[in-house]
C-alpha atoms as a PDB file:
ATOM      1  CA  MET A   1      -6.828 -21.439  -8.796  1.00  0.00           C
ATOM      2  CA  LYS A   2      -5.650 -17.916  -9.519  1.00  0.00           C
ATOM      3  CA  LEU A   3      -5.847 -15.463  -6.614  1.00  0.00           C
ATOM      4  CA  LYS A   4      -7.278 -12.004  -7.087  1.00  0.00           C
ATOM      5  CA  SER A   5      -4.886  -9.117  -6.549  1.00  0.00           C
ATOM      6  CA  THR A   6      -6.642  -8.157  -3.309  1.00  0.00           C
ATOM      7  CA  ASP A   7      -6.274 -11.728  -2.014  1.00  0.00           C
ATOM      8  CA  LYS A   8      -2.555 -11.713  -2.761  1.00  0.00           C
ATOM      9  CA  VAL A   9      -2.087  -8.400  -0.958  1.00  0.00           C
ATOM     10  CA  ALA A  10      -4.169  -9.587   1.997  1.00  0.00           C
ATOM     11  CA  ARG A  11      -2.035 -12.728   2.340  1.00  0.00           C
ATOM     12  CA  ARG A  12       1.137 -10.651   2.380  1.00  0.00           C
ATOM     13  CA  LEU A  13      -0.277  -8.168   4.880  1.00  0.00           C
ATOM     14  CA  ALA A  14      -1.262 -11.064   7.133  1.00  0.00           C
ATOM     15  CA  LEU A  15       2.455 -11.486   7.826  1.00  0.00           C
ATOM     16  CA  LEU A  16       2.318  -8.112   9.582  1.00  0.00           C
ATOM     17  CA  ASP A  17      -0.370  -9.271  12.011  1.00  0.00           C
ATOM     18  CA  GLY A  18       0.398  -7.855  15.432  1.00  0.00           C
ATOM     19  CA  VAL A  19       2.649  -5.112  14.090  1.00  0.00           C
ATOM     20  CA  ASP A  20       1.363  -1.645  14.976  1.00  0.00           C
ATOM     21  CA  LEU A  21       1.382   0.401  11.756  1.00  0.00           C
ATOM     22  CA  SER A  22      -0.462   3.569  10.823  1.00  0.00           C
ATOM     23  CA  GLN A  23      -3.077   3.447   8.067  1.00  0.00           C
ATOM     24  CA  ALA A  24      -0.891   5.683   5.901  1.00  0.00           C
ATOM     25  CA  TYR A  25       1.999   3.252   6.227  1.00  0.00           C
ATOM     26  CA  LEU A  26      -0.258   0.275   5.417  1.00  0.00           C
ATOM     27  CA  ASP A  27      -1.542   2.138   2.357  1.00  0.00           C
ATOM     28  CA  ALA A  28       2.049   2.714   1.232  1.00  0.00           C
ATOM     29  CA  ILE A  29       2.856  -0.985   1.710  1.00  0.00           C
ATOM     30  CA  VAL A  30      -0.215  -2.009  -0.315  1.00  0.00           C
ATOM     31  CA  ALA A  31       0.732   0.401  -3.110  1.00  0.00           C
ATOM     32  CA  GLU A  32       4.285  -0.978  -3.136  1.00  0.00           C
ATOM     33  CA  ILE A  33       3.067  -4.597  -3.311  1.00  0.00           C
ATOM     34  CA  GLU A  34       0.678  -3.782  -6.149  1.00  0.00           C
ATOM     35  CA  ASP A  35       3.437  -1.952  -8.032  1.00  0.00           C
ATOM     36  CA  LEU A  36       5.857  -4.859  -7.622  1.00  0.00           C
ATOM     37  CA  ASP A  37       3.204  -7.342  -8.790  1.00  0.00           C
ATOM     38  CA  ARG A  38       2.622  -5.193 -11.888  1.00  0.00           C
ATOM     39  CA  ILE A  39       6.351  -5.031 -12.614  1.00  0.00           C
ATOM     40  CA  VAL A  40       6.771  -8.799 -12.243  1.00  0.00           C
ATOM     41  CA  ALA A  41       3.826  -9.421 -14.597  1.00  0.00           C
ATOM     42  CA  GLU A  42       5.355  -7.099 -17.196  1.00  0.00           C
ATOM     43  CA  LEU A  43       8.738  -8.797 -16.895  1.00  0.00           C
ATOM     44  CA  GLU A  44       7.167 -12.256 -17.225  1.00  0.00           C
ATOM     45  CA  GLU A  45       5.381 -11.142 -20.388  1.00  0.00           C
ATOM     46  CA  PHE A  46       8.652  -9.732 -21.766  1.00  0.00           C
ATOM     47  CA  ALA A  47      10.583 -12.886 -20.855  1.00  0.00           C
ATOM     48  CA  GLU A  48       8.128 -15.167 -22.667  1.00  0.00           C
ATOM     49  CA  GLY A  49       8.992 -13.578 -26.003  1.00  0.00           C
ATOM     50  CA  THR A  50      12.729 -13.294 -25.426  1.00  0.00           C
ATOM     51  CA  PRO A  51      15.092 -16.198 -26.077  1.00  0.00           C
ATOM     52  CA  TRP A  52      17.499 -16.660 -23.194  1.00  0.00           C
ATOM     53  CA  VAL A  53      20.898 -17.989 -24.156  1.00  0.00           C
ATOM     54  CA  SER A  54      23.073 -19.617 -21.554  1.00  0.00           C
ATOM     55  CA  GLN A  55      26.727 -20.399 -21.910  1.00  0.00           C
ATOM     56  CA  GLN A  56      29.054 -22.061 -19.457  1.00  0.00           C
ATOM     57  CA  LEU A  57      32.115 -19.933 -18.829  1.00  0.00           C
ATOM     58  CA  GLN A  58      35.427 -20.826 -17.265  1.00  0.00           C
ATOM     59  CA  PRO A  59      37.770 -18.419 -15.512  1.00  0.00           C
ATOM     60  CA  ALA A  60      40.357 -16.939 -17.873  1.00  0.00           C
ATOM     61  CA  THR A  61      43.180 -18.685 -15.987  1.00  0.00           C
ATOM     62  CA  ASN A  62      41.812 -22.172 -16.788  1.00  0.00           C
ATOM     63  CA  LYS A  63      42.403 -23.700 -20.186  1.00  0.00           C
ATOM     64  CA  ALA A  64      39.837 -26.137 -21.573  1.00  0.00           C
END
């Protein structure tokens, strides 16, 4: 089940239950969460089309 964006934000804001914050500050937190979610989605889309090469490296002082 995929959560709607508002559900994801609400779940994260629930962690702040009991913390006294102004509405302006809550609005800023919501905007930040939505921006980070957008960035992560864009990076995931980019990563799907990009081959990732891994290589094991040894310190220069060790000889194989």
